[in-house]
Amino acid sequence: KDGSGFYVSPTSLVDKNVPDNADQRRYPNPLRVPSAVLPRTVGQQGIKIGSFGVAIHGKTQKAVPFVVGDGGPKIGEGSPALARQVYGMPMSDEINIKNRYSGQVDRAEVLWVFFGGEAQPYDHSKAGDVVVNAQSAFERWGGVSRLAK
């Protein structure tokens, strides 16, 4: 907005208490909040923006709970925080041109499970709660023990 070159990463999951579309606080931090895209076909099953799910890497069985942050054409898109964690890497605020694709999975190696009925509004002042709430939704679903079945 001010011409400084700062890039805002907008999503459909927003903090409605931050009315300025050019204010990054309005949206979950993609480097810190694991979030995924909701395909229309999954949305037709009752999943909404603000619902939760879990992405499971098929080879490592690494399970990462996430919030549904946006809509899109197909399953498989997620924030850098989600991609890095699913791949077994730590989240990082130091994303640059050399490591921007670290954690990206281009093959059908990730199982996506979306949980219904738990859509919650986003509050930037409690951004850490998104991760906690996603983990709680995963545990209510059955967590790691359900994955083992």
N, C-alpha and C. Protein backbone atom coordinates (compact mmCIF):
# COMPACT_ATOMS: atom_id res chain seq x y z
N LYS A 1 0.82 -1.20 0.00
CA LYS A 1 0.00 0.00 0.00
C LYS A 1 0.86 1.27 0.00
N ASP A 2 1.98 1.24 0.77
CA ASP A 2 2.83 2.43 0.84
C ASP A 2 3.97 2.40 -0.18
N GLY A 3 4.02 1.36 -1.03
CA GLY A 3 5.05 1.27 -2.05
C GLY A 3 6.37 0.73 -1.56
N SER A 4 6.41 0.22 -0.32
CA SER A 4 7.68 -0.25 0.25
C SER A 4 8.13 -1.58 -0.32
N GLY A 5 7.25 -2.28 -1.01
CA GLY A 5 7.61 -3.56 -1.57
C GLY A 5 7.25 -4.73 -0.68
N PHE A 6 6.66 -4.47 0.48
CA PHE A 6 6.23 -5.54 1.38
C PHE A 6 5.10 -6.30 0.73
N TYR A 7 5.21 -7.63 0.73
CA TYR A 7 4.20 -8.47 0.09
C TYR A 7 3.25 -9.04 1.13
N VAL A 8 1.97 -8.86 0.92
CA VAL A 8 0.95 -9.42 1.79
C VAL A 8 0.47 -10.72 1.17
N SER A 9 0.42 -11.77 1.97
CA SER A 9 0.00 -13.08 1.51
C SER A 9 -1.44 -13.33 1.95
N PRO A 10 -2.43 -12.91 1.15
CA PRO A 10 -3.82 -13.03 1.57
C PRO A 10 -4.37 -14.45 1.43
N THR A 11 -5.30 -14.78 2.32
CA THR A 11 -6.01 -16.05 2.27
C THR A 11 -7.49 -15.77 2.52
N SER A 12 -8.31 -16.78 2.36
CA SER A 12 -9.73 -16.64 2.67
C SER A 12 -9.98 -16.66 4.17
N LEU A 13 -9.09 -17.28 4.94
CA LEU A 13 -9.18 -17.25 6.40
C LEU A 13 -8.62 -15.91 6.85
N VAL A 14 -9.48 -15.09 7.43
CA VAL A 14 -9.08 -13.73 7.80
C VAL A 14 -9.53 -13.40 9.22
N ASP A 15 -8.82 -12.44 9.81
CA ASP A 15 -9.24 -11.85 11.06
C ASP A 15 -10.12 -10.66 10.69
N LYS A 16 -11.40 -10.80 10.87
CA LYS A 16 -12.34 -9.75 10.46
C LYS A 16 -12.21 -8.48 11.29
N ASN A 17 -11.46 -8.55 12.40
CA ASN A 17 -11.22 -7.36 13.22
C ASN A 17 -10.10 -6.50 12.65
N VAL A 18 -9.44 -6.98 11.60
CA VAL A 18 -8.41 -6.20 10.90
C VAL A 18 -8.98 -5.90 9.51
N PRO A 19 -9.60 -4.74 9.33
CA PRO A 19 -10.32 -4.45 8.09
C PRO A 19 -9.44 -4.16 6.87
N ASP A 20 -8.17 -3.78 7.09
CA ASP A 20 -7.29 -3.40 5.99
C ASP A 20 -6.75 -4.64 5.28
N ASN A 21 -7.15 -4.83 4.02
CA ASN A 21 -6.68 -5.98 3.23
C ASN A 21 -5.18 -5.97 3.01
N ALA A 22 -4.51 -4.82 3.19
CA ALA A 22 -3.07 -4.72 2.99
C ALA A 22 -2.29 -4.92 4.29
N ASP A 23 -2.98 -5.31 5.36
CA ASP A 23 -2.34 -5.54 6.65
C ASP A 23 -2.14 -7.05 6.83
N GLN A 24 -0.89 -7.51 6.85
CA GLN A 24 -0.60 -8.94 6.94
C GLN A 24 -1.20 -9.58 8.19
N ARG A 25 -1.42 -8.81 9.25
CA ARG A 25 -2.01 -9.38 10.46
C ARG A 25 -3.41 -9.93 10.21
N ARG A 26 -4.05 -9.48 9.15
CA ARG A 26 -5.40 -9.96 8.80
C ARG A 26 -5.38 -11.44 8.44
N TYR A 27 -4.23 -11.95 8.01
CA TYR A 27 -4.11 -13.32 7.49
C TYR A 27 -3.14 -14.14 8.33
N PRO A 28 -3.33 -15.47 8.39
CA PRO A 28 -2.37 -16.31 9.11
C PRO A 28 -0.98 -16.21 8.47
N ASN A 29 0.04 -16.22 9.31
CA ASN A 29 1.42 -16.16 8.83
C ASN A 29 1.76 -17.48 8.15
N PRO A 30 1.99 -17.51 6.84
CA PRO A 30 2.25 -18.78 6.14
C PRO A 30 3.54 -19.46 6.55
N LEU A 31 4.44 -18.74 7.22
CA LEU A 31 5.69 -19.34 7.68
C LEU A 31 5.55 -19.97 9.06
N ARG A 32 4.44 -19.68 9.77
CA ARG A 32 4.25 -20.15 11.14
C ARG A 32 2.96 -20.94 11.35
N VAL A 33 2.00 -20.79 10.45
CA VAL A 33 0.71 -21.48 10.61
C VAL A 33 0.55 -22.52 9.50
N PRO A 34 0.55 -23.80 9.86
CA PRO A 34 0.31 -24.84 8.86
C PRO A 34 -1.13 -24.72 8.35
N SER A 35 -1.27 -24.42 7.08
CA SER A 35 -2.61 -24.29 6.51
C SER A 35 -2.65 -24.95 5.14
N ALA A 36 -3.85 -25.32 4.74
CA ALA A 36 -4.03 -26.03 3.48
C ALA A 36 -5.17 -25.42 2.68
N VAL A 37 -5.17 -25.73 1.41
CA VAL A 37 -6.20 -25.28 0.48
C VAL A 37 -7.34 -26.29 0.47
N LEU A 38 -8.55 -25.79 0.45
CA LEU A 38 -9.76 -26.61 0.41
C LEU A 38 -10.28 -26.70 -1.01
N PRO A 39 -10.22 -27.88 -1.61
CA PRO A 39 -10.79 -28.05 -2.96
C PRO A 39 -12.32 -27.98 -2.90
N ARG A 40 -12.93 -27.52 -3.97
CA ARG A 40 -14.39 -27.41 -4.03
C ARG A 40 -15.07 -28.73 -3.70
N THR A 41 -14.53 -29.82 -4.21
CA THR A 41 -15.17 -31.13 -3.99
C THR A 41 -15.19 -31.49 -2.51
N VAL A 42 -14.15 -31.11 -1.78
CA VAL A 42 -14.12 -31.37 -0.34
C VAL A 42 -15.06 -30.40 0.37
N GLY A 43 -15.10 -29.16 -0.09
CA GLY A 43 -16.01 -28.18 0.48
C GLY A 43 -17.47 -28.60 0.35
N GLN A 44 -17.78 -29.32 -0.69
CA GLN A 44 -19.15 -29.81 -0.88
C GLN A 44 -19.51 -30.88 0.14
N GLN A 45 -18.53 -31.39 0.86
CA GLN A 45 -18.77 -32.40 1.90
C GLN A 45 -18.97 -31.76 3.28
N GLY A 46 -19.01 -30.43 3.34
CA GLY A 46 -19.26 -29.75 4.60
C GLY A 46 -18.04 -29.16 5.28
N ILE A 47 -16.88 -29.29 4.69
CA ILE A 47 -15.67 -28.69 5.25
C ILE A 47 -15.66 -27.22 4.86
N LYS A 48 -15.20 -26.36 5.77
CA LYS A 48 -15.23 -24.92 5.54
C LYS A 48 -13.86 -24.30 5.82
N ILE A 49 -13.70 -23.09 5.35
CA ILE A 49 -12.52 -22.30 5.71
C ILE A 49 -12.55 -22.15 7.23
N GLY A 50 -11.43 -22.47 7.88
CA GLY A 50 -11.37 -22.44 9.34
C GLY A 50 -11.56 -23.81 9.97
N SER A 51 -11.89 -24.82 9.13
CA SER A 51 -11.94 -26.21 9.62
C SER A 51 -10.51 -26.71 9.76
N PHE A 52 -10.38 -27.91 10.28
CA PHE A 52 -9.05 -28.47 10.50
C PHE A 52 -8.87 -29.77 9.74
N GLY A 53 -7.63 -30.20 9.67
CA GLY A 53 -7.30 -31.46 9.04
C GLY A 53 -5.90 -31.88 9.43
N VAL A 54 -5.43 -32.94 8.79
CA VAL A 54 -4.07 -33.40 9.03
C VAL A 54 -3.50 -33.89 7.70
N ALA A 55 -2.24 -33.57 7.46
CA ALA A 55 -1.52 -34.04 6.27
C ALA A 55 -0.50 -35.06 6.76
N ILE A 56 -0.51 -36.23 6.13
CA ILE A 56 0.37 -37.31 6.55
C ILE A 56 1.29 -37.70 5.40
N HIS A 57 2.60 -37.62 5.63
CA HIS A 57 3.56 -38.02 4.61
C HIS A 57 3.59 -39.54 4.56
N GLY A 58 3.34 -40.12 3.40
CA GLY A 58 3.22 -41.57 3.25
C GLY A 58 4.45 -42.36 3.62
N LYS A 59 5.62 -41.84 3.32
CA LYS A 59 6.86 -42.59 3.59
C LYS A 59 7.28 -42.49 5.05
N THR A 60 7.21 -41.29 5.60
CA THR A 60 7.70 -41.09 6.98
C THR A 60 6.60 -41.23 8.02
N GLN A 61 5.34 -41.20 7.58
CA GLN A 61 4.17 -41.21 8.47
C GLN A 61 4.15 -39.98 9.38
N LYS A 62 4.84 -38.93 9.00
CA LYS A 62 4.82 -37.67 9.73
C LYS A 62 3.45 -37.04 9.53
N ALA A 63 2.74 -36.77 10.63
CA ALA A 63 1.40 -36.19 10.58
C ALA A 63 1.45 -34.75 11.09
N VAL A 64 0.93 -33.83 10.28
CA VAL A 64 0.94 -32.42 10.66
C VAL A 64 -0.49 -31.88 10.60
N PRO A 65 -1.06 -31.55 11.76
CA PRO A 65 -2.38 -30.92 11.77
C PRO A 65 -2.32 -29.54 11.13
N PHE A 66 -3.42 -29.14 10.46
CA PHE A 66 -3.45 -27.85 9.78
C PHE A 66 -4.85 -27.24 9.90
N VAL A 67 -4.93 -25.96 9.56
CA VAL A 67 -6.20 -25.26 9.43
C VAL A 67 -6.45 -25.06 7.94
N VAL A 68 -7.71 -25.10 7.55
CA VAL A 68 -8.06 -24.81 6.16
C VAL A 68 -8.05 -23.29 6.02
N GLY A 69 -7.12 -22.81 5.20
CA GLY A 69 -6.92 -21.37 5.09
C GLY A 69 -7.40 -20.74 3.80
N ASP A 70 -7.67 -21.57 2.79
CA ASP A 70 -8.04 -21.00 1.50
C ASP A 70 -8.75 -22.05 0.66
N GLY A 71 -9.34 -21.61 -0.43
CA GLY A 71 -9.98 -22.51 -1.38
C GLY A 71 -9.17 -22.57 -2.65
N GLY A 72 -9.29 -23.67 -3.36
CA GLY A 72 -8.54 -23.82 -4.60
C GLY A 72 -9.06 -24.99 -5.41
N PRO A 73 -8.41 -25.26 -6.52
CA PRO A 73 -8.92 -26.29 -7.44
C PRO A 73 -8.65 -27.73 -7.03
N LYS A 74 -7.58 -27.97 -6.25
CA LYS A 74 -7.26 -29.37 -5.96
C LYS A 74 -6.56 -29.53 -4.63
N ILE A 75 -6.55 -30.76 -4.14
CA ILE A 75 -5.84 -31.09 -2.91
C ILE A 75 -4.35 -31.04 -3.19
N GLY A 76 -3.59 -30.58 -2.21
CA GLY A 76 -2.15 -30.63 -2.33
C GLY A 76 -1.43 -29.32 -2.11
N GLU A 77 -2.17 -28.24 -1.98
CA GLU A 77 -1.52 -26.95 -1.72
C GLU A 77 -1.55 -26.66 -0.24
N GLY A 78 -0.45 -26.11 0.25
CA GLY A 78 -0.39 -25.73 1.66
C GLY A 78 0.62 -24.63 1.86
N SER A 79 0.62 -24.10 3.06
CA SER A 79 1.56 -23.04 3.41
C SER A 79 2.97 -23.61 3.55
N PRO A 80 3.99 -22.74 3.47
CA PRO A 80 5.36 -23.22 3.71
C PRO A 80 5.51 -23.90 5.07
N ALA A 81 4.80 -23.40 6.09
CA ALA A 81 4.88 -24.03 7.42
C ALA A 81 4.41 -25.48 7.35
N LEU A 82 3.33 -25.74 6.63
CA LEU A 82 2.81 -27.10 6.48
C LEU A 82 3.78 -27.95 5.67
N ALA A 83 4.22 -27.44 4.53
CA ALA A 83 5.11 -28.21 3.65
C ALA A 83 6.39 -28.61 4.37
N ARG A 84 6.99 -27.67 5.06
CA ARG A 84 8.25 -27.95 5.74
C ARG A 84 8.05 -29.00 6.83
N GLN A 85 6.99 -28.89 7.61
CA GLN A 85 6.76 -29.84 8.69
C GLN A 85 6.43 -31.24 8.16
N VAL A 86 5.61 -31.32 7.13
CA VAL A 86 5.28 -32.64 6.56
C VAL A 86 6.55 -33.32 6.06
N TYR A 87 7.47 -32.55 5.54
CA TYR A 87 8.71 -33.10 5.02
C TYR A 87 9.72 -33.40 6.13
N GLY A 88 9.38 -33.02 7.38
CA GLY A 88 10.26 -33.29 8.51
C GLY A 88 11.23 -32.18 8.82
N MET A 89 10.97 -31.00 8.26
CA MET A 89 11.84 -29.85 8.48
C MET A 89 11.19 -28.92 9.50
N PRO A 90 11.98 -28.12 10.21
CA PRO A 90 11.39 -27.14 11.13
C PRO A 90 10.80 -25.96 10.37
N MET A 91 9.83 -25.30 10.99
CA MET A 91 9.33 -24.05 10.42
C MET A 91 10.46 -23.03 10.47
N SER A 92 10.41 -22.05 9.59
CA SER A 92 11.48 -21.05 9.55
C SER A 92 10.94 -19.72 9.04
N ASP A 93 11.41 -18.65 9.64
CA ASP A 93 11.09 -17.31 9.14
C ASP A 93 12.11 -16.87 8.11
N GLU A 94 13.14 -17.66 7.91
CA GLU A 94 14.23 -17.33 6.99
C GLU A 94 14.04 -18.02 5.65
N ILE A 95 12.95 -17.75 4.98
CA ILE A 95 12.71 -18.29 3.65
C ILE A 95 13.31 -17.31 2.65
N ASN A 96 14.15 -17.84 1.77
CA ASN A 96 14.78 -16.99 0.77
C ASN A 96 14.72 -17.68 -0.59
N ILE A 97 15.31 -17.06 -1.58
CA ILE A 97 15.23 -17.59 -2.94
C ILE A 97 15.89 -18.96 -3.06
N LYS A 98 16.89 -19.24 -2.23
CA LYS A 98 17.60 -20.53 -2.31
C LYS A 98 16.83 -21.68 -1.65
N ASN A 99 16.07 -21.40 -0.60
CA ASN A 99 15.40 -22.48 0.12
C ASN A 99 13.86 -22.42 0.05
N ARG A 100 13.35 -21.59 -0.83
CA ARG A 100 11.90 -21.38 -0.88
C ARG A 100 11.10 -22.64 -1.23
N TYR A 101 11.71 -23.60 -1.89
CA TYR A 101 11.00 -24.82 -2.24
C TYR A 101 11.32 -25.98 -1.30
N SER A 102 12.08 -25.73 -0.27
CA SER A 102 12.42 -26.79 0.69
C SER A 102 11.15 -27.32 1.34
N GLY A 103 10.99 -28.63 1.29
CA GLY A 103 9.80 -29.26 1.85
C GLY A 103 8.70 -29.51 0.85
N GLN A 104 8.82 -28.93 -0.33
CA GLN A 104 7.79 -29.12 -1.35
C GLN A 104 7.76 -30.57 -1.80
N VAL A 105 6.56 -31.13 -1.87
CA VAL A 105 6.37 -32.51 -2.33
C VAL A 105 5.56 -32.45 -3.61
N ASP A 106 6.11 -32.94 -4.70
CA ASP A 106 5.44 -32.88 -6.00
C ASP A 106 4.80 -34.19 -6.43
N ARG A 107 4.95 -35.21 -5.59
CA ARG A 107 4.37 -36.51 -5.93
C ARG A 107 3.23 -36.82 -4.96
N ALA A 108 2.45 -37.82 -5.29
CA ALA A 108 1.31 -38.21 -4.43
C ALA A 108 1.83 -38.98 -3.22
N GLU A 109 2.51 -38.27 -2.32
CA GLU A 109 3.09 -38.88 -1.13
C GLU A 109 2.40 -38.44 0.14
N VAL A 110 1.41 -37.57 0.04
CA VAL A 110 0.78 -37.01 1.22
C VAL A 110 -0.70 -37.39 1.22
N LEU A 111 -1.15 -37.92 2.36
CA LEU A 111 -2.57 -38.20 2.57
C LEU A 111 -3.17 -37.01 3.28
N TRP A 112 -4.27 -36.51 2.74
CA TRP A 112 -4.95 -35.35 3.31
C TRP A 112 -6.24 -35.81 3.96
N VAL A 113 -6.41 -35.51 5.25
CA VAL A 113 -7.65 -35.83 5.96
C VAL A 113 -8.22 -34.51 6.46
N PHE A 114 -9.45 -34.22 6.06
CA PHE A 114 -10.13 -33.00 6.48
C PHE A 114 -11.20 -33.36 7.51
N PHE A 115 -11.24 -32.61 8.63
CA PHE A 115 -12.23 -32.84 9.68
C PHE A 115 -13.37 -31.84 9.48
N GLY A 116 -14.59 -32.28 9.62
CA GLY A 116 -15.74 -31.39 9.45
C GLY A 116 -16.23 -30.83 10.78
N GLY A 117 -17.09 -29.82 10.67
CA GLY A 117 -17.82 -29.29 11.81
C GLY A 117 -17.03 -28.50 12.82
N GLU A 118 -15.83 -28.08 12.50
CA GLU A 118 -15.02 -27.39 13.50
C GLU A 118 -14.47 -26.06 13.02
N ALA A 119 -15.11 -25.46 12.04
CA ALA A 119 -14.59 -24.20 11.50
C ALA A 119 -14.57 -23.14 12.60
N GLN A 120 -13.44 -22.45 12.71
CA GLN A 120 -13.29 -21.42 13.71
C GLN A 120 -12.79 -20.14 13.06
N PRO A 121 -13.21 -19.00 13.58
CA PRO A 121 -12.70 -17.74 13.03
C PRO A 121 -11.24 -17.55 13.40
N TYR A 122 -10.54 -16.76 12.61
CA TYR A 122 -9.14 -16.48 12.86
C TYR A 122 -9.00 -15.19 13.66
N ASP A 123 -8.13 -15.21 14.66
CA ASP A 123 -7.84 -14.03 15.48
C ASP A 123 -6.32 -13.88 15.51
N HIS A 124 -5.80 -12.85 14.84
CA HIS A 124 -4.34 -12.70 14.73
C HIS A 124 -3.67 -12.55 16.09
N SER A 125 -4.38 -12.03 17.09
CA SER A 125 -3.78 -11.86 18.41
C SER A 125 -3.62 -13.19 19.14
N LYS A 126 -4.25 -14.23 18.59
CA LYS A 126 -4.14 -15.58 19.17
C LYS A 126 -3.73 -16.57 18.09
N ALA A 127 -2.79 -16.16 17.23
CA ALA A 127 -2.39 -16.99 16.09
C ALA A 127 -1.87 -18.35 16.53
N GLY A 128 -1.20 -18.42 17.66
CA GLY A 128 -0.70 -19.69 18.16
C GLY A 128 -1.81 -20.67 18.49
N ASP A 129 -3.00 -20.15 18.79
CA ASP A 129 -4.13 -21.03 19.09
C ASP A 129 -4.54 -21.86 17.88
N VAL A 130 -4.26 -21.37 16.68
CA VAL A 130 -4.63 -22.12 15.47
C VAL A 130 -3.92 -23.46 15.46
N VAL A 131 -2.64 -23.47 15.77
CA VAL A 131 -1.86 -24.71 15.79
C VAL A 131 -2.36 -25.62 16.91
N VAL A 132 -2.62 -25.05 18.07
CA VAL A 132 -3.12 -25.83 19.21
C VAL A 132 -4.49 -26.43 18.88
N ASN A 133 -5.37 -25.64 18.28
CA ASN A 133 -6.71 -26.12 17.93
C ASN A 133 -6.66 -27.19 16.85
N ALA A 134 -5.74 -27.05 15.90
CA ALA A 134 -5.59 -28.07 14.86
C ALA A 134 -5.11 -29.38 15.48
N GLN A 135 -4.17 -29.29 16.41
CA GLN A 135 -3.67 -30.49 17.10
C GLN A 135 -4.80 -31.14 17.92
N SER A 136 -5.61 -30.32 18.59
CA SER A 136 -6.73 -30.85 19.37
C SER A 136 -7.75 -31.55 18.47
N ALA A 137 -8.02 -30.98 17.31
CA ALA A 137 -8.96 -31.61 16.36
C ALA A 137 -8.39 -32.95 15.89
N PHE A 138 -7.09 -33.01 15.66
CA PHE A 138 -6.44 -34.25 15.25
C PHE A 138 -6.57 -35.31 16.35
N GLU A 139 -6.36 -34.91 17.59
CA GLU A 139 -6.47 -35.85 18.71
C GLU A 139 -7.92 -36.34 18.87
N ARG A 140 -8.90 -35.45 18.72
CA ARG A 140 -10.31 -35.87 18.81
C ARG A 140 -10.66 -36.85 17.70
N TRP A 141 -10.04 -36.69 16.53
CA TRP A 141 -10.25 -37.59 15.40
C TRP A 141 -9.70 -38.99 15.69
N GLY A 142 -8.72 -39.04 16.55
CA GLY A 142 -8.11 -40.33 16.90
C GLY A 142 -6.60 -40.28 16.89
N GLY A 143 -6.04 -39.19 16.39
CA GLY A 143 -4.61 -38.97 16.43
C GLY A 143 -3.76 -40.05 15.79
N VAL A 144 -2.59 -40.19 16.32
CA VAL A 144 -1.60 -41.12 15.79
C VAL A 144 -2.11 -42.56 15.86
N SER A 145 -2.83 -42.90 16.93
CA SER A 145 -3.32 -44.28 17.06
C SER A 145 -4.31 -44.63 15.94
N ARG A 146 -5.12 -43.67 15.51
CA ARG A 146 -6.04 -43.94 14.40
C ARG A 146 -5.27 -44.11 13.09
N LEU A 147 -4.21 -43.37 12.92
CA LEU A 147 -3.39 -43.51 11.71
C LEU A 147 -2.76 -44.89 11.62
N ALA A 148 -2.46 -45.47 12.76
CA ALA A 148 -1.80 -46.77 12.77
C ALA A 148 -2.72 -47.91 12.36
N LYS A 149 -4.02 -47.65 12.36
CA LYS A 149 -5.00 -48.71 12.01
C LYS A 149 -5.07 -48.96 10.53
